[in-house]
Amino acid sequence: MSKTPIAPGPEDIPPLPKIRLSLAHRVDCFLRLWALKIVASIVFAVDRLFHPPPPPLRPTLVKRYPCRPGLQTRIFYPPNYKPGDLLPLYLNIHGGGFALCDPQHDDEFCVMWAKRTGMLIASLDYSKAPLYPFPAAVYDVAALANAILVDTTLPIDKSKVAIGGFSAGANLALCASQLPGLKGNLRAALTFYPIVDWSHPPDVKLSMRPYKGGPRDSLEASSYWFDWAYVSPGQNRRDPLLSPCYARKQDLPPWIYIIGAEWDMLRLESQEMIHVLAGLDGRKNKEDDFEEGTYKWTLARGCSHGFTHHFGRTAEKKRRREEKCEPIYQQAIAWVEKALRE
């Protein structure tokens, strides 16, 4: 895979318009993605009906802001909050291929994160593809984040604001952070297995994977559907608000931590991006973890895309997920605390 060009800036990078693929491909993506969306919505609704979360795993508040009244924002206070205190803010953005899920899927993470970091957590929603392709979700996230930052009912220390997310949400965190109101006001971005480069179509990414004989990539089929749904024909695939690896370094948060998954087809692009940001693009072994200045990289070995979230309520599944995540969460908490302190 070619090196990811972070500098000197997007104006120096030739555009790469998305090519409209065959009618048969578009129809296939349409049918498969909508089938997935319908089935997922039914499964999630039934699961929430029969397995409602206990009170400790629910948000403190659910808000809707006038800028995006159709999108909910879930607010989580840390258990040790004392009225009058100002809290660091963490803006969380859920994953789902830009087409699925909602903030409730991250409730367990947000409760844990608030408890262990002492931060105020705001979990954001965004409009979903294919009805709302790029750039709708980017501007949704930016609008809601800006609304939260000026919400005087929330105890926010505006000098200590971080943003983060999972998969598509991680992409949106990096993209929205470039927009007015957020650029220059976010200290850090914490991203789990993000997509950062749409210039390589799914078949290219699959062919460039460095591993053989591993588990089936969870995005191997669905990545084609998400590409069809989120990126419109003619759209420049190298737009920094779509592919943040093409953003100027100064347009991104000054502290960035990317956590990749070993068996993820998105791993190489995020791995390359963080190395270029840190000035380590000449490094021979880019799989090894590093922390260089304000940039950090961790490879979750033996893990696939989405390893932080697993649907299923068996104790064994939860135990295995927690074993994989705990060492990484410990590193991430220490890193965020340092980023907001310095």
C-alpha atoms as a PDB file:
ATOM      1  CA  MET A   1       0.000   0.000   0.000  1.00  0.00           C
ATOM      2  CA  SER A   2       1.259   3.462  -0.816  1.00  0.00           C
ATOM      3  CA  LYS A   3       2.275   5.835   1.914  1.00  0.00           C
ATOM      4  CA  THR A   4      -0.477   7.947   3.383  1.00  0.00           C
ATOM      5  CA  PRO A   5       0.158  11.601   2.531  1.00  0.00           C
ATOM      6  CA  ILE A   6      -0.490  13.677   5.644  1.00  0.00           C
ATOM      7  CA  ALA A   7       1.546  16.691   4.483  1.00  0.00           C
ATOM      8  CA  PRO A   8       1.917  19.219   3.038  1.00  0.00           C
ATOM      9  CA  GLY A   9      -1.819  19.654   2.643  1.00  0.00           C
ATOM     10  CA  PRO A  10      -4.958  18.534   0.800  1.00  0.00           C
ATOM     11  CA  GLU A  11      -4.634  21.293  -1.785  1.00  0.00           C
ATOM     12  CA  ASP A  12      -1.471  19.583  -3.097  1.00  0.00           C
ATOM     13  CA  ILE A  13      -3.054  16.152  -3.505  1.00  0.00           C
ATOM     14  CA  PRO A  14      -4.825  15.369  -6.791  1.00  0.00           C
ATOM     15  CA  PRO A  15      -8.489  14.448  -6.319  1.00  0.00           C
ATOM     16  CA  LEU A  16      -9.659  10.894  -6.823  1.00  0.00           C
ATOM     17  CA  PRO A  17     -13.358  10.908  -7.787  1.00  0.00           C
ATOM     18  CA  LYS A  18     -15.373   7.816  -6.978  1.00  0.00           C
ATOM     19  CA  ILE A  19     -16.332   5.920 -10.116  1.00  0.00           C
ATOM     20  CA  ARG A  20     -19.936   4.806 -10.488  1.00  0.00           C
ATOM     21  CA  LEU A  21     -19.895   1.019 -10.593  1.00  0.00           C
ATOM     22  CA  SER A  22     -22.211  -1.257 -12.535  1.00  0.00           C
ATOM     23  CA  LEU A  23     -25.967  -1.282 -12.004  1.00  0.00           C
ATOM     24  CA  ALA A  24     -25.784  -4.899 -10.862  1.00  0.00           C
ATOM     25  CA  HIS A  25     -23.245  -3.983  -8.168  1.00  0.00           C
ATOM     26  CA  ARG A  26     -25.328  -1.035  -6.976  1.00  0.00           C
ATOM     27  CA  VAL A  27     -28.512  -3.090  -6.813  1.00  0.00           C
ATOM     28  CA  ASP A  28     -26.723  -5.849  -4.915  1.00  0.00           C
ATOM     29  CA  CYS A  29     -25.348  -3.345  -2.367  1.00  0.00           C
ATOM     30  CA  PHE A  30     -28.764  -1.702  -2.031  1.00  0.00           C
ATOM     31  CA  LEU A  31     -30.533  -4.983  -1.290  1.00  0.00           C
ATOM     32  CA  ARG A  32     -27.906  -6.369   1.050  1.00  0.00           C
ATOM     33  CA  LEU A  33     -27.402  -3.199   3.083  1.00  0.00           C
ATOM     34  CA  TRP A  34     -31.100  -2.507   3.533  1.00  0.00           C
ATOM     35  CA  ALA A  35     -31.656  -6.126   4.524  1.00  0.00           C
ATOM     36  CA  LEU A  36     -28.895  -5.774   7.088  1.00  0.00           C
ATOM     37  CA  LYS A  37     -30.313  -2.497   8.397  1.00  0.00           C
ATOM     38  CA  ILE A  38     -33.812  -3.965   8.788  1.00  0.00           C
ATOM     39  CA  VAL A  39     -32.645  -7.166  10.451  1.00  0.00           C
ATOM     40  CA  ALA A  40     -30.277  -5.284  12.759  1.00  0.00           C
ATOM     41  CA  SER A  41     -32.963  -2.820  13.832  1.00  0.00           C
ATOM     42  CA  ILE A  42     -35.339  -5.667  14.666  1.00  0.00           C
ATOM     43  CA  VAL A  43     -32.710  -7.656  16.573  1.00  0.00           C
ATOM     44  CA  PHE A  44     -31.584  -4.613  18.570  1.00  0.00           C
ATOM     45  CA  ALA A  45     -35.172  -3.610  19.373  1.00  0.00           C
ATOM     46  CA  VAL A  46     -36.089  -7.107  20.574  1.00  0.00           C
ATOM     47  CA  ASP A  47     -32.914  -7.389  22.635  1.00  0.00           C
ATOM     48  CA  ARG A  48     -33.547  -4.035  24.319  1.00  0.00           C
ATOM     49  CA  LEU A  49     -37.159  -4.993  25.014  1.00  0.00           C
ATOM     50  CA  PHE A  50     -36.303  -8.272  26.724  1.00  0.00           C
ATOM     51  CA  HIS A  51     -32.944  -7.236  28.192  1.00  0.00           C
ATOM     52  CA  PRO A  52     -33.271  -3.604  29.283  1.00  0.00           C
ATOM     53  CA  PRO A  53     -30.046  -2.276  30.787  1.00  0.00           C
ATOM     54  CA  PRO A  54     -29.959  -1.974  34.579  1.00  0.00           C
ATOM     55  CA  PRO A  55     -29.986   1.590  35.985  1.00  0.00           C
ATOM     56  CA  PRO A  56     -26.183   1.691  36.544  1.00  0.00           C
ATOM     57  CA  LEU A  57     -25.647   1.198  32.793  1.00  0.00           C
ATOM     58  CA  ARG A  58     -28.007   3.963  31.701  1.00  0.00           C
ATOM     59  CA  PRO A  59     -27.102   7.573  30.854  1.00  0.00           C
ATOM     60  CA  THR A  60     -27.539  10.334  33.395  1.00  0.00           C
ATOM     61  CA  LEU A  61     -29.319  12.474  30.808  1.00  0.00           C
ATOM     62  CA  VAL A  62     -30.621  12.156  27.265  1.00  0.00           C
ATOM     63  CA  LYS A  63     -30.673  15.468  25.420  1.00  0.00           C
ATOM     64  CA  ARG A  64     -31.743  16.749  22.021  1.00  0.00           C
ATOM     65  CA  TYR A  65     -30.278  19.984  20.684  1.00  0.00           C
ATOM     66  CA  PRO A  66     -32.141  22.368  18.337  1.00  0.00           C
ATOM     67  CA  CYS A  67     -29.379  22.105  15.729  1.00  0.00           C
ATOM     68  CA  ARG A  68     -30.183  18.392  15.258  1.00  0.00           C
ATOM     69  CA  PRO A  69     -33.511  17.687  17.025  1.00  0.00           C
ATOM     70  CA  GLY A  70     -33.816  14.245  15.474  1.00  0.00           C
ATOM     71  CA  LEU A  71     -30.562  13.011  16.999  1.00  0.00           C
ATOM     72  CA  GLN A  72     -30.165  12.148  20.660  1.00  0.00           C
ATOM     73  CA  THR A  73     -27.128  12.837  22.814  1.00  0.00           C
ATOM     74  CA  ARG A  74     -26.554  10.600  25.822  1.00  0.00           C
ATOM     75  CA  ILE A  75     -24.767  12.221  28.774  1.00  0.00           C
ATOM     76  CA  PHE A  76     -22.897  10.255  31.447  1.00  0.00           C
ATOM     77  CA  TYR A  77     -21.673  11.860  34.671  1.00  0.00           C
ATOM     78  CA  PRO A  78     -18.897  10.193  36.654  1.00  0.00           C
ATOM     79  CA  PRO A  79     -20.129   8.679  39.940  1.00  0.00           C
ATOM     80  CA  ASN A  80     -17.857  10.945  42.008  1.00  0.00           C
ATOM     81  CA  TYR A  81     -19.176  14.182  40.471  1.00  0.00           C
ATOM     82  CA  LYS A  82     -19.736  17.022  42.931  1.00  0.00           C
ATOM     83  CA  PRO A  83     -22.067  19.877  41.918  1.00  0.00           C
ATOM     84  CA  GLY A  84     -20.050  22.948  41.031  1.00  0.00           C
ATOM     85  CA  ASP A  85     -17.076  21.022  39.678  1.00  0.00           C
ATOM     86  CA  LEU A  86     -16.032  21.496  36.070  1.00  0.00           C
ATOM     87  CA  LEU A  87     -15.229  18.218  34.312  1.00  0.00           C
ATOM     88  CA  PRO A  88     -13.063  17.245  31.353  1.00  0.00           C
ATOM     89  CA  LEU A  89     -15.278  16.292  28.410  1.00  0.00           C
ATOM     90  CA  TYR A  90     -15.056  13.195  26.236  1.00  0.00           C
ATOM     91  CA  LEU A  91     -17.122  13.177  23.030  1.00  0.00           C
ATOM     92  CA  ASN A  92     -17.857   9.585  22.015  1.00  0.00           C
ATOM     93  CA  ILE A  93     -19.045   8.542  18.559  1.00  0.00           C
ATOM     94  CA  HIS A  94     -20.412   5.065  17.901  1.00  0.00           C
ATOM     95  CA  GLY A  95     -19.530   2.821  14.979  1.00  0.00           C
ATOM     96  CA  GLY A  96     -21.683   0.909  12.521  1.00  0.00           C
ATOM     97  CA  GLY A  97     -20.277   1.468   9.047  1.00  0.00           C
ATOM     98  CA  PHE A  98     -21.936   4.923   8.840  1.00  0.00           C
ATOM     99  CA  ALA A  99     -25.221   3.054   8.294  1.00  0.00           C
ATOM    100  CA  LEU A 100     -26.077   1.133  11.471  1.00  0.00           C
ATOM    101  CA  CYS A 101     -26.400   1.405  15.271  1.00  0.00           C
ATOM    102  CA  ASP A 102     -26.988   4.334  17.618  1.00  0.00           C
ATOM    103  CA  PRO A 103     -25.347   5.812  20.725  1.00  0.00           C
ATOM    104  CA  GLN A 104     -27.006   3.280  23.026  1.00  0.00           C
ATOM    105  CA  HIS A 105     -24.644   0.620  21.708  1.00  0.00           C
ATOM    106  CA  ASP A 106     -21.816   2.394  23.524  1.00  0.00           C
ATOM    107  CA  ASP A 107     -23.585   2.843  26.868  1.00  0.00           C
ATOM    108  CA  GLU A 108     -21.508   0.190  28.628  1.00  0.00           C
ATOM    109  CA  PHE A 109     -18.286   1.771  27.391  1.00  0.00           C
ATOM    110  CA  CYS A 110     -19.434   5.282  28.337  1.00  0.00           C
ATOM    111  CA  VAL A 111     -20.384   4.249  31.879  1.00  0.00           C
ATOM    112  CA  MET A 112     -17.008   2.542  32.301  1.00  0.00           C
ATOM    113  CA  TRP A 113     -15.132   5.485  30.796  1.00  0.00           C
ATOM    114  CA  ALA A 114     -16.866   8.051  33.012  1.00  0.00           C
ATOM    115  CA  LYS A 115     -16.190   5.977  36.120  1.00  0.00           C
ATOM    116  CA  ARG A 116     -12.513   5.325  35.385  1.00  0.00           C
ATOM    117  CA  THR A 117     -11.530   8.722  33.970  1.00  0.00           C
ATOM    118  CA  GLY A 118     -13.770  11.064  35.978  1.00  0.00           C
ATOM    119  CA  MET A 119     -14.764  12.729  32.702  1.00  0.00           C
ATOM    120  CA  LEU A 120     -18.165  13.906  31.539  1.00  0.00           C
ATOM    121  CA  ILE A 121     -19.111  11.715  28.559  1.00  0.00           C
ATOM    122  CA  ALA A 122     -21.336  12.878  25.712  1.00  0.00           C
ATOM    123  CA  SER A 123     -22.252  10.085  23.306  1.00  0.00           C
ATOM    124  CA  LEU A 124     -23.340  11.466  19.935  1.00  0.00           C
ATOM    125  CA  ASP A 125     -25.530  10.232  17.112  1.00  0.00           C
ATOM    126  CA  TYR A 126     -25.443  11.059  13.400  1.00  0.00           C
ATOM    127  CA  SER A 127     -27.556  10.607  10.277  1.00  0.00           C
ATOM    128  CA  LYS A 128     -27.117   7.233   8.588  1.00  0.00           C
ATOM    129  CA  ALA A 129     -26.291   6.209   5.050  1.00  0.00           C
ATOM    130  CA  PRO A 130     -27.536   5.531   2.443  1.00  0.00           C
ATOM    131  CA  LEU A 131     -30.273   8.129   3.012  1.00  0.00           C
ATOM    132  CA  TYR A 132     -27.637  10.523   4.310  1.00  0.00           C
ATOM    133  CA  PRO A 133     -24.284   9.920   2.590  1.00  0.00           C
ATOM    134  CA  PHE A 134     -21.079  11.854   3.218  1.00  0.00           C
ATOM    135  CA  PRO A 135     -20.728  14.574   4.462  1.00  0.00           C
ATOM    136  CA  ALA A 136     -23.977  14.597   6.490  1.00  0.00           C
ATOM    137  CA  ALA A 137     -22.614  12.598   9.420  1.00  0.00           C
ATOM    138  CA  VAL A 138     -19.468  14.731   9.713  1.00  0.00           C
ATOM    139  CA  TYR A 139     -21.494  17.918  10.015  1.00  0.00           C
ATOM    140  CA  ASP A 140     -23.969  16.259  12.399  1.00  0.00           C
ATOM    141  CA  VAL A 141     -21.156  15.342  14.771  1.00  0.00           C
ATOM    142  CA  ALA A 142     -19.596  18.805  14.546  1.00  0.00           C
ATOM    143  CA  ALA A 143     -22.931  20.560  15.117  1.00  0.00           C
ATOM    144  CA  LEU A 144     -23.774  18.447  18.166  1.00  0.00           C
ATOM    145  CA  ALA A 145     -20.272  18.753  19.590  1.00  0.00           C
ATOM    146  CA  ASN A 146     -20.415  22.538  19.276  1.00  0.00           C
ATOM    147  CA  ALA A 147     -23.873  22.582  20.869  1.00  0.00           C
ATOM    148  CA  ILE A 148     -22.537  20.592  23.819  1.00  0.00           C
ATOM    149  CA  LEU A 149     -19.570  22.921  24.246  1.00  0.00           C
ATOM    150  CA  VAL A 150     -21.874  25.947  24.613  1.00  0.00           C
ATOM    151  CA  ASP A 151     -24.437  24.143  26.795  1.00  0.00           C
ATOM    152  CA  THR A 152     -24.234  26.055  30.078  1.00  0.00           C
ATOM    153  CA  THR A 153     -26.221  23.350  31.897  1.00  0.00           C
ATOM    154  CA  LEU A 154     -23.292  20.949  31.578  1.00  0.00           C
ATOM    155  CA  PRO A 155     -20.226  21.266  33.860  1.00  0.00           C
ATOM    156  CA  ILE A 156     -17.560  21.317  31.148  1.00  0.00           C
ATOM    157  CA  ASP A 157     -13.951  22.394  31.499  1.00  0.00           C
ATOM    158  CA  LYS A 158     -13.494  23.650  27.940  1.00  0.00           C
ATOM    159  CA  SER A 159      -9.717  23.520  28.207  1.00  0.00           C
ATOM    160  CA  LYS A 160      -9.901  19.725  28.562  1.00  0.00           C
ATOM    161  CA  VAL A 161     -11.910  18.285  25.695  1.00  0.00           C
ATOM    162  CA  ALA A 162     -11.186  15.018  23.893  1.00  0.00           C
ATOM    163  CA  ILE A 163     -13.027  13.206  21.125  1.00  0.00           C
ATOM    164  CA  GLY A 164     -13.051   9.546  20.180  1.00  0.00           C
ATOM    165  CA  GLY A 165     -14.934   6.722  18.592  1.00  0.00           C
ATOM    166  CA  PHE A 166     -15.043   3.253  17.164  1.00  0.00           C
ATOM    167  CA  SER A 167     -14.636   2.338  13.470  1.00  0.00           C
ATOM    168  CA  ALA A 168     -16.896   4.737  11.534  1.00  0.00           C
ATOM    169  CA  GLY A 169     -17.190   6.796  14.708  1.00  0.00           C
ATOM    170  CA  ALA A 170     -13.408   7.041  14.892  1.00  0.00           C
ATOM    171  CA  ASN A 171     -13.375   8.346  11.323  1.00  0.00           C
ATOM    172  CA  LEU A 172     -16.025  10.925  12.197  1.00  0.00           C
ATOM    173  CA  ALA A 173     -14.048  12.003  15.263  1.00  0.00           C
ATOM    174  CA  LEU A 174     -10.990  12.785  13.135  1.00  0.00           C
ATOM    175  CA  CYS A 175     -13.043  14.406  10.367  1.00  0.00           C
ATOM    176  CA  ALA A 176     -15.331  16.568  12.509  1.00  0.00           C
ATOM    177  CA  SER A 177     -12.339  17.790  14.520  1.00  0.00           C
ATOM    178  CA  GLN A 178     -11.205  19.714  11.424  1.00  0.00           C
ATOM    179  CA  LEU A 179     -14.348  21.861  11.302  1.00  0.00           C
ATOM    180  CA  PRO A 180     -14.898  25.336  12.817  1.00  0.00           C
ATOM    181  CA  GLY A 181     -15.617  25.360  16.515  1.00  0.00           C
ATOM    182  CA  LEU A 182     -13.770  22.102  17.079  1.00  0.00           C
ATOM    183  CA  LYS A 183     -10.482  22.739  15.276  1.00  0.00           C
ATOM    184  CA  GLY A 184      -8.093  24.114  17.839  1.00  0.00           C
ATOM    185  CA  ASN A 185     -10.446  23.360  20.733  1.00  0.00           C
ATOM    186  CA  LEU A 186      -9.935  19.600  20.994  1.00  0.00           C
ATOM    187  CA  ARG A 187      -6.888  18.422  22.886  1.00  0.00           C
ATOM    188  CA  ALA A 188      -6.943  14.772  21.877  1.00  0.00           C
ATOM    189  CA  ALA A 189      -8.510  12.130  19.646  1.00  0.00           C
ATOM    190  CA  LEU A 190      -8.728   8.500  20.763  1.00  0.00           C
ATOM    191  CA  THR A 191      -9.646   6.243  17.840  1.00  0.00           C
ATOM    192  CA  PHE A 192     -10.354   2.524  17.810  1.00  0.00           C
ATOM    193  CA  TYR A 193      -9.820   0.669  14.486  1.00  0.00           C
ATOM    194  CA  PRO A 194     -10.742   3.683  12.314  1.00  0.00           C
ATOM    195  CA  ILE A 195     -11.194   3.909   8.593  1.00  0.00           C
ATOM    196  CA  VAL A 196      -8.936   6.796   7.562  1.00  0.00           C
ATOM    197  CA  ASP A 197      -8.444   6.297   3.808  1.00  0.00           C
ATOM    198  CA  TRP A 198     -11.343   5.842   1.380  1.00  0.00           C
ATOM    199  CA  SER A 199      -9.058   6.177  -1.654  1.00  0.00           C
ATOM    200  CA  HIS A 200      -8.425   2.424  -1.627  1.00  0.00           C
ATOM    201  CA  PRO A 201     -11.579   0.484  -2.585  1.00  0.00           C
ATOM    202  CA  PRO A 202     -12.439  -2.629  -0.514  1.00  0.00           C
ATOM    203  CA  ASP A 203     -10.953  -5.095  -2.999  1.00  0.00           C
ATOM    204  CA  VAL A 204      -7.581  -3.288  -2.869  1.00  0.00           C
ATOM    205  CA  LYS A 205      -7.559  -3.230   0.919  1.00  0.00           C
ATOM    206  CA  LEU A 206      -8.402  -6.920   1.076  1.00  0.00           C
ATOM    207  CA  SER A 207      -5.622  -7.821  -1.357  1.00  0.00           C
ATOM    208  CA  MET A 208      -3.052  -5.784   0.586  1.00  0.00           C
ATOM    209  CA  ARG A 209      -3.617  -7.466   3.934  1.00  0.00           C
ATOM    210  CA  PRO A 210      -0.285  -8.724   5.284  1.00  0.00           C
ATOM    211  CA  TYR A 211      -1.689 -11.783   7.006  1.00  0.00           C
ATOM    212  CA  LYS A 212      -2.767 -15.132   5.636  1.00  0.00           C
ATOM    213  CA  GLY A 213      -4.889 -17.841   7.147  1.00  0.00           C
ATOM    214  CA  GLY A 214      -6.379 -15.680   9.877  1.00  0.00           C
ATOM    215  CA  PRO A 215     -10.025 -15.296  10.860  1.00  0.00           C
ATOM    216  CA  ARG A 216     -12.457 -14.049   8.251  1.00  0.00           C
ATOM    217  CA  ASP A 217     -12.492 -10.258   8.194  1.00  0.00           C
ATOM    218  CA  SER A 218     -15.853  -8.981   9.430  1.00  0.00           C
ATOM    219  CA  LEU A 219     -15.739  -6.249   6.753  1.00  0.00           C
ATOM    220  CA  GLU A 220     -14.842  -8.545   3.864  1.00  0.00           C
ATOM    221  CA  ALA A 221     -18.341  -8.450   2.345  1.00  0.00           C
ATOM    222  CA  SER A 222     -20.033  -5.517   4.083  1.00  0.00           C
ATOM    223  CA  SER A 223     -17.287  -3.000   3.225  1.00  0.00           C
ATOM    224  CA  TYR A 224     -18.599  -2.934  -0.363  1.00  0.00           C
ATOM    225  CA  TRP A 225     -22.096  -2.055   0.893  1.00  0.00           C
ATOM    226  CA  PHE A 226     -20.822   0.691   3.173  1.00  0.00           C
ATOM    227  CA  ASP A 227     -18.657   2.142   0.397  1.00  0.00           C
ATOM    228  CA  TRP A 228     -21.689   2.258  -1.900  1.00  0.00           C
ATOM    229  CA  ALA A 229     -23.876   3.836   0.791  1.00  0.00           C
ATOM    230  CA  TYR A 230     -21.559   6.468   2.235  1.00  0.00           C
ATOM    231  CA  VAL A 231     -19.471   7.675  -0.722  1.00  0.00           C
ATOM    232  CA  SER A 232     -21.440   9.064  -3.659  1.00  0.00           C
ATOM    233  CA  PRO A 233     -20.223   8.757  -7.272  1.00  0.00           C
ATOM    234  CA  GLY A 234     -17.997  11.673  -8.200  1.00  0.00           C
ATOM    235  CA  GLN A 235     -17.051  12.356  -4.583  1.00  0.00           C
ATOM    236  CA  ASN A 236     -13.341  12.998  -4.078  1.00  0.00           C
ATOM    237  CA  ARG A 237     -12.149   9.989  -2.092  1.00  0.00           C
ATOM    238  CA  ARG A 238      -9.180  12.031  -0.845  1.00  0.00           C
ATOM    239  CA  ASP A 239     -11.271  14.776   0.743  1.00  0.00           C
ATOM    240  CA  PRO A 240      -9.785  15.239   4.257  1.00  0.00           C
ATOM    241  CA  LEU A 241     -13.302  15.290   5.730  1.00  0.00           C
ATOM    242  CA  LEU A 242     -13.806  11.810   4.277  1.00  0.00           C
ATOM    243  CA  SER A 243     -10.276  10.407   4.453  1.00  0.00           C
ATOM    244  CA  PRO A 244      -8.572  12.112   7.419  1.00  0.00           C
ATOM    245  CA  CYS A 245      -5.186  10.666   6.476  1.00  0.00           C
ATOM    246  CA  TYR A 246      -5.084  13.450   3.859  1.00  0.00           C
ATOM    247  CA  ALA A 247      -5.723  16.204   6.422  1.00  0.00           C
ATOM    248  CA  ARG A 248      -3.060  18.715   7.328  1.00  0.00           C
ATOM    249  CA  LYS A 249      -1.417  17.875  10.612  1.00  0.00           C
ATOM    250  CA  GLN A 250      -2.321  21.268  12.050  1.00  0.00           C
ATOM    251  CA  ASP A 251      -6.020  20.700  11.292  1.00  0.00           C
ATOM    252  CA  LEU A 252      -6.191  17.614  13.522  1.00  0.00           C
ATOM    253  CA  PRO A 253      -6.103  17.448  17.334  1.00  0.00           C
ATOM    254  CA  PRO A 254      -2.523  17.792  18.638  1.00  0.00           C
ATOM    255  CA  TRP A 255      -2.742  14.478  20.520  1.00  0.00           C
ATOM    256  CA  ILE A 256      -3.833  11.376  18.580  1.00  0.00           C
ATOM    257  CA  TYR A 257      -3.917   7.749  19.706  1.00  0.00           C
ATOM    258  CA  ILE A 258      -4.867   5.090  17.157  1.00  0.00           C
ATOM    259  CA  ILE A 259      -5.641   1.539  18.229  1.00  0.00           C
ATOM    260  CA  GLY A 260      -5.629  -0.941  15.359  1.00  0.00           C
ATOM    261  CA  ALA A 261      -6.753  -4.558  15.235  1.00  0.00           C
ATOM    262  CA  GLU A 262      -4.348  -7.154  13.839  1.00  0.00           C
ATOM    263  CA  TRP A 263      -6.898  -8.989  11.685  1.00  0.00           C
ATOM    264  CA  ASP A 264      -8.618  -5.847  10.407  1.00  0.00           C
ATOM    265  CA  MET A 265      -8.510  -4.835   6.741  1.00  0.00           C
ATOM    266  CA  LEU A 266      -8.393  -1.205   7.942  1.00  0.00           C
ATOM    267  CA  ARG A 267      -5.294  -1.737  10.038  1.00  0.00           C
ATOM    268  CA  LEU A 268      -2.655  -0.812   7.457  1.00  0.00           C
ATOM    269  CA  GLU A 269      -4.112   2.596   6.621  1.00  0.00           C
ATOM    270  CA  SER A 270      -4.458   3.694  10.254  1.00  0.00           C
ATOM    271  CA  GLN A 271      -1.028   2.239  11.028  1.00  0.00           C
ATOM    272  CA  GLU A 272       0.489   4.271   8.200  1.00  0.00           C
ATOM    273  CA  MET A 273      -1.334   7.448   9.199  1.00  0.00           C
ATOM    274  CA  ILE A 274      -0.126   7.467  12.795  1.00  0.00           C
ATOM    275  CA  HIS A 275       3.452   6.731  11.736  1.00  0.00           C
ATOM    276  CA  VAL A 276       3.429   9.650   9.294  1.00  0.00           C
ATOM    277  CA  LEU A 277       1.962  11.971  11.933  1.00  0.00           C
ATOM    278  CA  ALA A 278       4.673  10.935  14.385  1.00  0.00           C
ATOM    279  CA  GLY A 279       7.439  11.337  11.781  1.00  0.00           C
ATOM    280  CA  LEU A 280       8.127   7.608  11.844  1.00  0.00           C
ATOM    281  CA  ASP A 281       7.053   6.710   8.306  1.00  0.00           C
ATOM    282  CA  GLY A 282      10.570   5.351   7.633  1.00  0.00           C
ATOM    283  CA  ARG A 283      10.289   2.841  10.463  1.00  0.00           C
ATOM    284  CA  LYS A 284      10.793  -0.725   9.279  1.00  0.00           C
ATOM    285  CA  ASN A 285       8.510  -2.576  11.688  1.00  0.00           C
ATOM    286  CA  LYS A 286       5.303  -0.593  11.908  1.00  0.00           C
ATOM    287  CA  GLU A 287       3.346  -3.203  13.810  1.00  0.00           C
ATOM    288  CA  ASP A 288       5.167  -2.584  17.080  1.00  0.00           C
ATOM    289  CA  ASP A 289       3.484  -0.277  19.563  1.00  0.00           C
ATOM    290  CA  PHE A 290       5.007   3.162  20.069  1.00  0.00           C
ATOM    291  CA  GLU A 291       4.484   6.497  21.764  1.00  0.00           C
ATOM    292  CA  GLU A 292       6.308   9.389  20.134  1.00  0.00           C
ATOM    293  CA  GLY A 293       5.573  12.839  21.499  1.00  0.00           C
ATOM    294  CA  THR A 294       1.831  13.363  21.330  1.00  0.00           C
ATOM    295  CA  TYR A 295       1.172  10.376  19.047  1.00  0.00           C
ATOM    296  CA  LYS A 296       0.580   6.810  20.124  1.00  0.00           C
ATOM    297  CA  TRP A 297      -0.066   3.517  18.304  1.00  0.00           C
ATOM    298  CA  THR A 298      -1.215   0.202  19.722  1.00  0.00           C
ATOM    299  CA  LEU A 299      -1.856  -2.961  17.736  1.00  0.00           C
ATOM    300  CA  ALA A 300      -4.425  -5.215  19.383  1.00  0.00           C
ATOM    301  CA  ARG A 301      -2.882  -8.542  18.471  1.00  0.00           C
ATOM    302  CA  GLY A 302      -5.140 -11.482  17.818  1.00  0.00           C
ATOM    303  CA  CYS A 303      -8.104  -9.118  17.478  1.00  0.00           C
ATOM    304  CA  SER A 304     -10.477  -8.412  14.610  1.00  0.00           C
ATOM    305  CA  HIS A 305     -12.403  -5.308  13.642  1.00  0.00           C
ATOM    306  CA  GLY A 306     -14.968  -4.442  16.309  1.00  0.00           C
ATOM    307  CA  PHE A 307     -13.250  -6.438  19.049  1.00  0.00           C
ATOM    308  CA  THR A 308     -14.403  -3.964  21.712  1.00  0.00           C
ATOM    309  CA  HIS A 309     -18.069  -4.700  20.998  1.00  0.00           C
ATOM    310  CA  HIS A 310     -19.697  -8.112  20.826  1.00  0.00           C
ATOM    311  CA  PHE A 311     -23.407  -8.815  20.559  1.00  0.00           C
ATOM    312  CA  GLY A 312     -24.334 -11.559  22.956  1.00  0.00           C
ATOM    313  CA  ARG A 313     -24.923 -11.805  26.647  1.00  0.00           C
ATOM    314  CA  THR A 314     -23.091 -14.952  27.686  1.00  0.00           C
ATOM    315  CA  ALA A 315     -20.672 -14.549  30.557  1.00  0.00           C
ATOM    316  CA  GLU A 316     -17.922 -16.281  28.596  1.00  0.00           C
ATOM    317  CA  LYS A 317     -18.177 -13.856  25.667  1.00  0.00           C
ATOM    318  CA  LYS A 318     -18.078 -10.916  28.028  1.00  0.00           C
ATOM    319  CA  ARG A 319     -15.055 -12.316  29.857  1.00  0.00           C
ATOM    320  CA  ARG A 320     -13.108 -12.848  26.625  1.00  0.00           C
ATOM    321  CA  ARG A 321     -13.948  -9.355  25.408  1.00  0.00           C
ATOM    322  CA  GLU A 322     -12.883  -7.781  28.680  1.00  0.00           C
ATOM    323  CA  GLU A 323      -9.604  -9.688  28.661  1.00  0.00           C
ATOM    324  CA  LYS A 324      -8.778  -8.282  25.229  1.00  0.00           C
ATOM    325  CA  CYS A 325      -9.856  -4.747  26.038  1.00  0.00           C
ATOM    326  CA  GLU A 326      -8.598  -4.193  29.569  1.00  0.00           C
ATOM    327  CA  PRO A 327      -4.863  -3.709  28.805  1.00  0.00           C
ATOM    328  CA  ILE A 328      -5.730  -1.327  25.986  1.00  0.00           C
ATOM    329  CA  TYR A 329      -8.212   0.647  28.067  1.00  0.00           C
ATOM    330  CA  GLN A 330      -5.585   1.045  30.786  1.00  0.00           C
ATOM    331  CA  GLN A 331      -3.152   2.524  28.273  1.00  0.00           C
ATOM    332  CA  ALA A 332      -5.834   4.734  26.748  1.00  0.00           C
ATOM    333  CA  ILE A 333      -6.938   6.130  30.102  1.00  0.00           C
ATOM    334  CA  ALA A 334      -3.372   7.000  31.096  1.00  0.00           C
ATOM    335  CA  TRP A 335      -2.749   8.581  27.678  1.00  0.00           C
ATOM    336  CA  VAL A 336      -5.940  10.719  27.745  1.00  0.00           C
ATOM    337  CA  GLU A 337      -5.161  11.917  31.256  1.00  0.00           C
ATOM    338  CA  LYS A 338      -1.678  12.947  30.152  1.00  0.00           C
ATOM    339  CA  ALA A 339      -2.989  14.656  27.011  1.00  0.00           C
ATOM    340  CA  LEU A 340      -5.458  16.758  29.005  1.00  0.00           C
ATOM    341  CA  ARG A 341      -2.953  17.541  31.729  1.00  0.00           C
ATOM    342  CA  GLU A 342      -0.043  18.780  29.606  1.00  0.00           C
END
